[in-house]
Each structure stands twice: as C-alpha cells, then as structure tokens.
C-alpha cells in the first residue's frame, strides 16, 4: 500500500508543479495576447469617440431649439445632443479619454445608436432642422477648442469651418466610419472574458481538489481505502485533461476573434 501511496503522491505532485503550472503560464500568455490585440484595435476608436463627445459638448452651445423643442425629430435631436454632451463634459472635466473597457458592449452600442440618431433626425426632418438657430458668431468666437476636438476625431476634419450642417455630417461619418467596423469587437471580447473566467474558476477548483487529495494521503491514508485514493488521483488527472481541453478552446476562440 505504501508503494501505491507513494506513486499517487508523485502523480499529484507532478500535476501541481508541472501540469497546472504550465497551463496557468500558457493561459496567461493567451490572455496577454488577447488584451494587447483588443486595446490595439479599440484605443484609436475611443480616442475618436472621446473627442466626438467633447466636440458635441462644445458645438451644442451654438444651437438653440427655442420654439421647436417639442416637435418630433427636433425634440429627439435635442435629447440626443444632451445625452452625448454629458459624456463629453465628463471627459473634459476628467481631463482624460475613456479607456477601452470603460463601457460594456450594450452601453457603447446604445450610445453609438444615439450618435447615429443625430444624423437620422437631421436627415429625416431637414426642414425642421433649418428652424434650429445656429449662432455663427458664437461658433467663430469659441472655435478653438471645438475645431481641436474635431481634428482629433479624424485628420480630415482639421481646419474645417464650423457650419450648421457639420453636426449631421460628423455624426453620420462617426457611426459609419468608426463604430460599424468595430461594433463586433467589444461583444466578442466580453464573451471571451466570460470563457476565461470560467477556465480560471475550473482551474482553481481542480487545484483545491488536488491539494485536498494530497492532504488526505498524508494525514489519513491509514484510514482511507486505497481504491478511494486511487480514484481521487484518477479524478485529478481527468480534471487536468479537461482543463487542457478548455485551454485549447480558449486559444481557438482567441485566434477567431483576433483575425
């Protein structure tokens, strides 16, 4: 029996020091690669997103909806601008851009749909938009910051004149040129993060079971039948194989998302 116990202890020790340790190192490398790729794609987007929100926060002061704030599309337009302006104002006060993981996929999608709605409301009721007052003098007087934010959205806006129609154009361009190409990235990353969390949870449970099995072997081996100890050892080996399978799934998912 002592010989069998010795073999079981050797196997469990090998699982802990070799198998699980190597899997943790490999999973950490996969996680780092995924995080680098995600931030590489999303950081430029959030740079443009933050400056778009700042632009709206600044440019909105040039518009007056007095007298038409209760009309259908123009009421929606005003509400949309207020919502986006709050996001931009928060960024201006904080003095920093929004990080890549600040919003959930659902939150970001909702905000960008609001941005698209700015263009939609203007396009659908352009006659009503013409009734909205635009203070050209105010736009020229306080143009420095507004043009600065505009140029940070995209180089094509650098030095452009602030006009009334710029509101719909920039909003529509942002949704089509910036958000739509990456609208799938954040949901995929959240799904990947969920799978990674599941992998880590299973790994921790497996390590705990392996350690408990070793404690039973060291402290209570005289009172536990050898077949029970052998079964626990086989169970731990099975958990290791299952962890290896989950790691391979995680790597395949990472490759699929990173394409």
C-alpha atoms as a PDB file:
ATOM      1  CA  UNK A   1       0.000   0.000   0.000  1.00  0.00           C
ATOM      2  CA  UNK A   2       2.844   2.380   0.853  1.00  0.00           C
ATOM      3  CA  UNK A   3       4.252   1.922  -2.629  1.00  0.00           C
ATOM      4  CA  UNK A   4       0.888   2.748  -4.185  1.00  0.00           C
ATOM      5  CA  UNK A   5       0.511   5.799  -1.949  1.00  0.00           C
ATOM      6  CA  UNK A   6       3.985   6.952  -2.967  1.00  0.00           C
ATOM      7  CA  UNK A   7       3.055   6.652  -6.649  1.00  0.00           C
ATOM      8  CA  UNK A   8      -0.179   8.577  -6.098  1.00  0.00           C
ATOM      9  CA  UNK A   9       1.664  11.366  -4.242  1.00  0.00           C
ATOM     10  CA  UNK A  10       4.233  11.550  -7.057  1.00  0.00           C
ATOM     11  CA  UNK A  11       1.485  11.823  -9.678  1.00  0.00           C
ATOM     12  CA  UNK A  12      -0.377  14.537  -7.757  1.00  0.00           C
ATOM     13  CA  UNK A  13       2.832  16.494  -7.155  1.00  0.00           C
ATOM     14  CA  UNK A  14       3.610  16.295 -10.881  1.00  0.00           C
ATOM     15  CA  UNK A  15       0.102  17.582 -11.666  1.00  0.00           C
ATOM     16  CA  UNK A  16       0.561  20.579  -9.381  1.00  0.00           C
ATOM     17  CA  UNK A  17       4.139  21.539 -10.225  1.00  0.00           C
ATOM     18  CA  UNK A  18       4.043  20.616 -13.894  1.00  0.00           C
ATOM     19  CA  UNK A  19       0.591  20.340 -15.432  1.00  0.00           C
ATOM     20  CA  UNK A  20      -1.378  23.093 -13.713  1.00  0.00           C
ATOM     21  CA  UNK A  21       1.576  25.477 -13.528  1.00  0.00           C
ATOM     22  CA  UNK A  22       2.290  25.164 -17.252  1.00  0.00           C
ATOM     23  CA  UNK A  23      -1.377  25.657 -18.078  1.00  0.00           C
ATOM     24  CA  UNK A  24      -1.547  28.816 -15.993  1.00  0.00           C
ATOM     25  CA  UNK A  25       1.520  30.209 -17.746  1.00  0.00           C
ATOM     26  CA  UNK A  26       0.083  29.342 -21.167  1.00  0.00           C
ATOM     27  CA  UNK A  27      -3.351  30.772 -20.312  1.00  0.00           C
ATOM     28  CA  UNK A  28      -1.726  33.985 -19.075  1.00  0.00           C
ATOM     29  CA  UNK A  29       0.122  34.324 -22.369  1.00  0.00           C
ATOM     30  CA  UNK A  30      -3.133  33.825 -24.277  1.00  0.00           C
ATOM     31  CA  UNK A  31      -4.825  36.450 -22.075  1.00  0.00           C
ATOM     32  CA  UNK A  32      -1.998  38.951 -22.628  1.00  0.00           C
ATOM     33  CA  UNK A  33      -2.121  38.470 -26.404  1.00  0.00           C
ATOM     34  CA  UNK A  34      -5.874  38.937 -26.396  1.00  0.00           C
ATOM     35  CA  UNK A  35      -5.713  42.069 -24.234  1.00  0.00           C
ATOM     36  CA  UNK A  36      -2.971  43.619 -26.401  1.00  0.00           C
ATOM     37  CA  UNK A  37      -4.935  42.961 -29.577  1.00  0.00           C
ATOM     38  CA  UNK A  38      -8.159  44.322 -28.057  1.00  0.00           C
ATOM     39  CA  UNK A  39      -6.558  47.560 -26.867  1.00  0.00           C
ATOM     40  CA  UNK A  40      -4.642  47.934 -30.139  1.00  0.00           C
ATOM     41  CA  UNK A  41      -7.967  47.972 -32.012  1.00  0.00           C
ATOM     42  CA  UNK A  42     -10.131  49.834 -29.508  1.00  0.00           C
ATOM     43  CA  UNK A  43      -7.748  52.559 -28.279  1.00  0.00           C
ATOM     44  CA  UNK A  44      -7.873  54.548 -31.582  1.00  0.00           C
ATOM     45  CA  UNK A  45     -11.651  54.184 -31.630  1.00  0.00           C
ATOM     46  CA  UNK A  46     -12.042  55.530 -28.101  1.00  0.00           C
ATOM     47  CA  UNK A  47      -9.701  58.390 -28.919  1.00  0.00           C
ATOM     48  CA  UNK A  48     -12.089  59.412 -31.721  1.00  0.00           C
ATOM     49  CA  UNK A  49     -15.158  58.608 -29.591  1.00  0.00           C
ATOM     50  CA  UNK A  50     -13.990  60.783 -26.695  1.00  0.00           C
ATOM     51  CA  UNK A  51     -13.202  63.702 -28.977  1.00  0.00           C
ATOM     52  CA  UNK A  52     -16.531  63.330 -30.792  1.00  0.00           C
ATOM     53  CA  UNK A  53     -18.358  63.568 -27.448  1.00  0.00           C
ATOM     54  CA  UNK A  54     -16.224  66.579 -26.498  1.00  0.00           C
ATOM     55  CA  UNK A  55     -16.956  68.149 -29.873  1.00  0.00           C
ATOM     56  CA  UNK A  56     -20.712  67.755 -29.335  1.00  0.00           C
ATOM     57  CA  UNK A  57     -20.422  69.141 -25.803  1.00  0.00           C
ATOM     58  CA  UNK A  58     -18.720  72.248 -27.179  1.00  0.00           C
ATOM     59  CA  UNK A  59     -20.580  72.604 -30.505  1.00  0.00           C
ATOM     60  CA  UNK A  60     -24.022  72.125 -28.933  1.00  0.00           C
ATOM     61  CA  UNK A  61     -23.824  75.580 -27.356  1.00  0.00           C
ATOM     62  CA  UNK A  62     -24.059  77.105 -30.847  1.00  0.00           C
ATOM     63  CA  UNK A  63     -27.580  75.717 -31.351  1.00  0.00           C
ATOM     64  CA  UNK A  64     -30.867  76.995 -29.985  1.00  0.00           C
ATOM     65  CA  UNK A  65     -34.034  74.856 -30.138  1.00  0.00           C
ATOM     66  CA  UNK A  66     -36.222  77.619 -28.736  1.00  0.00           C
ATOM     67  CA  UNK A  67     -39.739  77.370 -30.085  1.00  0.00           C
ATOM     68  CA  UNK A  68     -39.342  73.941 -31.702  1.00  0.00           C
ATOM     69  CA  UNK A  69     -38.091  71.841 -28.759  1.00  0.00           C
ATOM     70  CA  UNK A  70     -41.430  69.990 -28.589  1.00  0.00           C
ATOM     71  CA  UNK A  71     -41.501  68.970 -32.258  1.00  0.00           C
ATOM     72  CA  UNK A  72     -40.919  65.244 -33.069  1.00  0.00           C
ATOM     73  CA  UNK A  73     -37.473  64.761 -34.619  1.00  0.00           C
ATOM     74  CA  UNK A  74     -36.094  68.026 -33.266  1.00  0.00           C
ATOM     75  CA  UNK A  75     -37.079  67.052 -29.715  1.00  0.00           C
ATOM     76  CA  UNK A  76     -35.266  63.757 -30.236  1.00  0.00           C
ATOM     77  CA  UNK A  77     -32.276  65.586 -31.679  1.00  0.00           C
ATOM     78  CA  UNK A  78     -32.099  67.893 -28.679  1.00  0.00           C
ATOM     79  CA  UNK A  79     -32.319  64.938 -26.258  1.00  0.00           C
ATOM     80  CA  UNK A  80     -29.633  63.048 -28.214  1.00  0.00           C
ATOM     81  CA  UNK A  81     -27.285  66.034 -28.062  1.00  0.00           C
ATOM     82  CA  UNK A  82     -27.885  66.420 -24.327  1.00  0.00           C
ATOM     83  CA  UNK A  83     -27.051  62.765 -23.719  1.00  0.00           C
ATOM     84  CA  UNK A  84     -23.852  62.843 -25.791  1.00  0.00           C
ATOM     85  CA  UNK A  85     -22.869  66.213 -24.342  1.00  0.00           C
ATOM     86  CA  UNK A  86     -22.932  64.783 -20.814  1.00  0.00           C
ATOM     87  CA  UNK A  87     -20.481  62.070 -21.877  1.00  0.00           C
ATOM     88  CA  UNK A  88     -18.209  64.666 -23.475  1.00  0.00           C
ATOM     89  CA  UNK A  89     -18.464  67.016 -20.499  1.00  0.00           C
ATOM     90  CA  UNK A  90     -17.489  64.235 -18.123  1.00  0.00           C
ATOM     91  CA  UNK A  91     -14.390  63.545 -20.224  1.00  0.00           C
ATOM     92  CA  UNK A  92     -13.457  67.228 -20.372  1.00  0.00           C
ATOM     93  CA  UNK A  93     -13.752  67.588 -16.588  1.00  0.00           C
ATOM     94  CA  UNK A  94     -11.727  64.415 -16.002  1.00  0.00           C
ATOM     95  CA  UNK A  95      -9.112  65.583 -18.495  1.00  0.00           C
ATOM     96  CA  UNK A  96      -8.624  62.152 -19.973  1.00  0.00           C
ATOM     97  CA  UNK A  97     -10.020  59.888 -22.659  1.00  0.00           C
ATOM     98  CA  UNK A  98     -12.344  56.988 -21.978  1.00  0.00           C
ATOM     99  CA  UNK A  99     -10.396  53.712 -21.657  1.00  0.00           C
ATOM    100  CA  UNK A 100     -11.151  50.797 -23.969  1.00  0.00           C
ATOM    101  CA  UNK A 101     -13.049  48.822 -21.325  1.00  0.00           C
ATOM    102  CA  UNK A 102     -14.979  51.721 -19.745  1.00  0.00           C
ATOM    103  CA  UNK A 103     -18.312  50.865 -21.392  1.00  0.00           C
ATOM    104  CA  UNK A 104     -19.977  47.496 -21.808  1.00  0.00           C
ATOM    105  CA  UNK A 105     -20.858  46.417 -25.338  1.00  0.00           C
ATOM    106  CA  UNK A 106     -24.522  47.161 -24.644  1.00  0.00           C
ATOM    107  CA  UNK A 107     -23.774  50.649 -23.294  1.00  0.00           C
ATOM    108  CA  UNK A 108     -21.445  51.544 -26.165  1.00  0.00           C
ATOM    109  CA  UNK A 109     -23.932  50.239 -28.718  1.00  0.00           C
ATOM    110  CA  UNK A 110     -26.697  52.359 -27.193  1.00  0.00           C
ATOM    111  CA  UNK A 111     -24.528  55.498 -27.218  1.00  0.00           C
ATOM    112  CA  UNK A 112     -23.464  54.977 -30.828  1.00  0.00           C
ATOM    113  CA  UNK A 113     -27.068  54.394 -31.876  1.00  0.00           C
ATOM    114  CA  UNK A 114     -27.829  57.759 -30.276  1.00  0.00           C
ATOM    115  CA  UNK A 115     -24.989  59.266 -32.322  1.00  0.00           C
ATOM    116  CA  UNK A 116     -26.470  57.774 -35.473  1.00  0.00           C
ATOM    117  CA  UNK A 117     -29.872  59.115 -34.438  1.00  0.00           C
ATOM    118  CA  UNK A 118     -28.429  62.641 -34.529  1.00  0.00           C
ATOM    119  CA  UNK A 119     -27.751  62.179 -38.242  1.00  0.00           C
ATOM    120  CA  UNK A 120     -31.108  60.409 -38.759  1.00  0.00           C
ATOM    121  CA  UNK A 121     -33.180  63.161 -37.136  1.00  0.00           C
ATOM    122  CA  UNK A 122     -31.478  65.857 -39.215  1.00  0.00           C
ATOM    123  CA  UNK A 123     -31.794  63.831 -42.422  1.00  0.00           C
ATOM    124  CA  UNK A 124     -35.433  62.893 -41.821  1.00  0.00           C
ATOM    125  CA  UNK A 125     -36.593  66.374 -40.861  1.00  0.00           C
ATOM    126  CA  UNK A 126     -34.112  68.671 -42.555  1.00  0.00           C
ATOM    127  CA  UNK A 127     -36.812  71.326 -42.928  1.00  0.00           C
ATOM    128  CA  UNK A 128     -37.305  71.288 -39.152  1.00  0.00           C
ATOM    129  CA  UNK A 129     -33.529  71.421 -38.639  1.00  0.00           C
ATOM    130  CA  UNK A 130     -33.410  74.644 -40.673  1.00  0.00           C
ATOM    131  CA  UNK A 131     -35.615  76.218 -37.989  1.00  0.00           C
ATOM    132  CA  UNK A 132     -32.984  75.477 -35.352  1.00  0.00           C
ATOM    133  CA  UNK A 133     -30.999  78.644 -34.706  1.00  0.00           C
ATOM    134  CA  UNK A 134     -27.239  78.471 -35.226  1.00  0.00           C
ATOM    135  CA  UNK A 135     -25.093  81.209 -33.690  1.00  0.00           C
ATOM    136  CA  UNK A 136     -22.344  81.721 -36.263  1.00  0.00           C
ATOM    137  CA  UNK A 137     -20.700  84.429 -34.165  1.00  0.00           C
ATOM    138  CA  UNK A 138     -20.553  82.145 -31.129  1.00  0.00           C
ATOM    139  CA  UNK A 139     -19.132  79.333 -33.280  1.00  0.00           C
ATOM    140  CA  UNK A 140     -16.303  81.577 -34.518  1.00  0.00           C
ATOM    141  CA  UNK A 141     -15.657  83.116 -31.112  1.00  0.00           C
ATOM    142  CA  UNK A 142     -15.244  79.800 -29.305  1.00  0.00           C
ATOM    143  CA  UNK A 143     -14.000  77.741 -32.227  1.00  0.00           C
ATOM    144  CA  UNK A 144     -10.507  76.897 -30.970  1.00  0.00           C
ATOM    145  CA  UNK A 145     -11.451  74.010 -28.675  1.00  0.00           C
ATOM    146  CA  UNK A 146     -14.293  72.833 -30.919  1.00  0.00           C
ATOM    147  CA  UNK A 147     -12.075  72.639 -34.002  1.00  0.00           C
ATOM    148  CA  UNK A 148      -9.382  70.996 -31.893  1.00  0.00           C
ATOM    149  CA  UNK A 149     -11.772  68.210 -30.824  1.00  0.00           C
ATOM    150  CA  UNK A 150     -12.974  67.890 -34.403  1.00  0.00           C
ATOM    151  CA  UNK A 151      -9.447  67.435 -35.734  1.00  0.00           C
ATOM    152  CA  UNK A 152      -8.775  64.715 -33.145  1.00  0.00           C
ATOM    153  CA  UNK A 153     -11.756  62.706 -34.382  1.00  0.00           C
ATOM    154  CA  UNK A 154     -10.160  62.402 -37.810  1.00  0.00           C
ATOM    155  CA  UNK A 155      -7.413  64.304 -39.661  1.00  0.00           C
ATOM    156  CA  UNK A 156      -9.879  65.035 -42.479  1.00  0.00           C
ATOM    157  CA  UNK A 157     -11.687  67.493 -40.203  1.00  0.00           C
ATOM    158  CA  UNK A 158      -8.610  69.553 -39.356  1.00  0.00           C
ATOM    159  CA  UNK A 159      -9.090  73.228 -40.236  1.00  0.00           C
ATOM    160  CA  UNK A 160     -12.681  72.705 -41.390  1.00  0.00           C
ATOM    161  CA  UNK A 161     -15.112  75.588 -40.950  1.00  0.00           C
ATOM    162  CA  UNK A 162     -17.771  75.216 -38.272  1.00  0.00           C
ATOM    163  CA  UNK A 163     -21.139  75.202 -40.006  1.00  0.00           C
ATOM    164  CA  UNK A 164     -24.613  74.105 -39.032  1.00  0.00           C
ATOM    165  CA  UNK A 165     -24.626  71.098 -41.378  1.00  0.00           C
ATOM    166  CA  UNK A 166     -21.417  69.801 -39.793  1.00  0.00           C
ATOM    167  CA  UNK A 167     -23.451  68.345 -36.921  1.00  0.00           C
ATOM    168  CA  UNK A 168     -25.186  65.737 -39.069  1.00  0.00           C
ATOM    169  CA  UNK A 169     -22.162  65.014 -41.256  1.00  0.00           C
ATOM    170  CA  UNK A 170     -19.740  64.326 -38.396  1.00  0.00           C
ATOM    171  CA  UNK A 171     -22.321  62.207 -36.534  1.00  0.00           C
ATOM    172  CA  UNK A 172     -23.124  60.100 -39.579  1.00  0.00           C
ATOM    173  CA  UNK A 173     -19.450  59.715 -40.504  1.00  0.00           C
ATOM    174  CA  UNK A 174     -18.533  58.656 -36.975  1.00  0.00           C
ATOM    175  CA  UNK A 175     -21.162  55.922 -36.875  1.00  0.00           C
ATOM    176  CA  UNK A 176     -20.312  54.523 -40.318  1.00  0.00           C
ATOM    177  CA  UNK A 177     -16.539  55.027 -40.427  1.00  0.00           C
ATOM    178  CA  UNK A 178     -15.585  54.446 -36.794  1.00  0.00           C
ATOM    179  CA  UNK A 179     -18.225  52.438 -34.946  1.00  0.00           C
ATOM    180  CA  UNK A 180     -19.575  49.980 -37.521  1.00  0.00           C
ATOM    181  CA  UNK A 181     -16.136  48.485 -38.383  1.00  0.00           C
ATOM    182  CA  UNK A 182     -15.541  47.600 -34.700  1.00  0.00           C
ATOM    183  CA  UNK A 183     -19.103  47.034 -33.425  1.00  0.00           C
ATOM    184  CA  UNK A 184     -18.429  43.286 -33.036  1.00  0.00           C
ATOM    185  CA  UNK A 185     -15.127  43.611 -31.138  1.00  0.00           C
ATOM    186  CA  UNK A 186     -16.409  44.505 -27.676  1.00  0.00           C
ATOM    187  CA  UNK A 187     -19.183  41.828 -27.568  1.00  0.00           C
ATOM    188  CA  UNK A 188     -16.652  39.205 -28.662  1.00  0.00           C
ATOM    189  CA  UNK A 189     -14.163  40.383 -26.052  1.00  0.00           C
ATOM    190  CA  UNK A 190     -16.804  40.214 -23.320  1.00  0.00           C
ATOM    191  CA  UNK A 191     -17.696  36.672 -24.420  1.00  0.00           C
ATOM    192  CA  UNK A 192     -14.000  35.742 -24.375  1.00  0.00           C
ATOM    193  CA  UNK A 193     -13.573  37.253 -20.884  1.00  0.00           C
ATOM    194  CA  UNK A 194     -16.503  35.175 -19.667  1.00  0.00           C
ATOM    195  CA  UNK A 195     -14.895  31.999 -21.032  1.00  0.00           C
ATOM    196  CA  UNK A 196     -11.541  32.930 -19.497  1.00  0.00           C
ATOM    197  CA  UNK A 197     -13.223  33.440 -16.115  1.00  0.00           C
ATOM    198  CA  UNK A 198     -14.843  30.005 -16.414  1.00  0.00           C
ATOM    199  CA  UNK A 199     -11.438  28.477 -17.217  1.00  0.00           C
ATOM    200  CA  UNK A 200      -9.810  30.103 -14.174  1.00  0.00           C
ATOM    201  CA  UNK A 201     -12.655  29.013 -11.901  1.00  0.00           C
ATOM    202  CA  UNK A 202     -12.408  25.397 -13.030  1.00  0.00           C
ATOM    203  CA  UNK A 203      -8.620  25.537 -12.664  1.00  0.00           C
ATOM    204  CA  UNK A 204      -8.848  26.813  -9.084  1.00  0.00           C
ATOM    205  CA  UNK A 205     -11.405  24.154  -8.159  1.00  0.00           C
ATOM    206  CA  UNK A 206      -9.168  21.475  -9.676  1.00  0.00           C
ATOM    207  CA  UNK A 207      -6.105  22.672  -7.756  1.00  0.00           C
ATOM    208  CA  UNK A 208      -8.071  22.746  -4.488  1.00  0.00           C
ATOM    209  CA  UNK A 209      -9.305  19.171  -5.054  1.00  0.00           C
ATOM    210  CA  UNK A 210      -5.749  18.043  -5.834  1.00  0.00           C
ATOM    211  CA  UNK A 211      -4.376  19.685  -2.684  1.00  0.00           C
ATOM    212  CA  UNK A 212      -7.138  18.180  -0.548  1.00  0.00           C
ATOM    213  CA  UNK A 213      -6.377  14.768  -2.003  1.00  0.00           C
ATOM    214  CA  UNK A 214      -2.705  15.170  -1.079  1.00  0.00           C
ATOM    215  CA  UNK A 215      -3.662  16.183   2.450  1.00  0.00           C
ATOM    216  CA  UNK A 216      -5.837  13.097   2.780  1.00  0.00           C
ATOM    217  CA  UNK A 217      -2.943  10.968   1.589  1.00  0.00           C
ATOM    218  CA  UNK A 218      -0.501  12.495   4.047  1.00  0.00           C
ATOM    219  CA  UNK A 219      -2.769  12.627   7.097  1.00  0.00           C
ATOM    220  CA  UNK A 220      -5.439   9.948   6.730  1.00  0.00           C
ATOM    221  CA  UNK A 221      -4.006   7.342   4.384  1.00  0.00           C
ATOM    222  CA  UNK A 222      -4.204   4.677   7.077  1.00  0.00           C
ATOM    223  CA  UNK A 223      -7.962   5.142   7.395  1.00  0.00           C
ATOM    224  CA  UNK A 224      -8.936   5.517   3.755  1.00  0.00           C
ATOM    225  CA  UNK A 225      -9.134   2.523   1.386  1.00  0.00           C
ATOM    226  CA  UNK A 226      -6.513   2.601  -1.349  1.00  0.00           C
ATOM    227  CA  UNK A 227      -9.168   2.398  -4.068  1.00  0.00           C
ATOM    228  CA  UNK A 228     -10.621   5.718  -2.831  1.00  0.00           C
ATOM    229  CA  UNK A 229      -7.221   7.399  -3.013  1.00  0.00           C
ATOM    230  CA  UNK A 230      -6.595   5.902  -6.444  1.00  0.00           C
ATOM    231  CA  UNK A 231      -9.980   7.111  -7.644  1.00  0.00           C
ATOM    232  CA  UNK A 232      -9.227  10.640  -6.401  1.00  0.00           C
ATOM    233  CA  UNK A 233      -5.891  10.571  -8.226  1.00  0.00           C
ATOM    234  CA  UNK A 234      -7.601   9.479 -11.462  1.00  0.00           C
ATOM    235  CA  UNK A 235     -10.208  12.213 -10.937  1.00  0.00           C
ATOM    236  CA  UNK A 236      -7.466  14.849 -10.619  1.00  0.00           C
ATOM    237  CA  UNK A 237      -5.844  13.569 -13.823  1.00  0.00           C
ATOM    238  CA  UNK A 238      -9.228  13.790 -15.521  1.00  0.00           C
ATOM    239  CA  UNK A 239      -9.597  17.394 -14.339  1.00  0.00           C
ATOM    240  CA  UNK A 240      -6.199  18.192 -15.826  1.00  0.00           C
ATOM    241  CA  UNK A 241      -7.248  16.776 -19.196  1.00  0.00           C
ATOM    242  CA  UNK A 242     -10.491  18.736 -19.015  1.00  0.00           C
ATOM    243  CA  UNK A 243      -8.521  21.907 -18.239  1.00  0.00           C
ATOM    244  CA  UNK A 244      -6.292  21.223 -21.232  1.00  0.00           C
ATOM    245  CA  UNK A 245      -9.393  20.886 -23.412  1.00  0.00           C
ATOM    246  CA  UNK A 246     -10.802  24.204 -22.085  1.00  0.00           C
ATOM    247  CA  UNK A 247      -7.464  25.904 -22.710  1.00  0.00           C
ATOM    248  CA  UNK A 248      -7.444  24.693 -26.314  1.00  0.00           C
ATOM    249  CA  UNK A 249     -10.989  26.052 -26.731  1.00  0.00           C
ATOM    250  CA  UNK A 250      -9.852  29.395 -25.286  1.00  0.00           C
ATOM    251  CA  UNK A 251      -6.903  29.549 -27.691  1.00  0.00           C
ATOM    252  CA  UNK A 252      -9.149  28.736 -30.675  1.00  0.00           C
ATOM    253  CA  UNK A 253     -11.616  31.428 -29.608  1.00  0.00           C
ATOM    254  CA  UNK A 254      -8.753  33.915 -29.241  1.00  0.00           C
ATOM    255  CA  UNK A 255      -7.494  33.184 -32.771  1.00  0.00           C
ATOM    256  CA  UNK A 256     -11.016  33.503 -34.165  1.00  0.00           C
ATOM    257  CA  UNK A 257     -11.580  36.907 -32.514  1.00  0.00           C
ATOM    258  CA  UNK A 258      -8.116  38.240 -33.365  1.00  0.00           C
ATOM    259  CA  UNK A 259      -8.497  37.638 -37.114  1.00  0.00           C
END
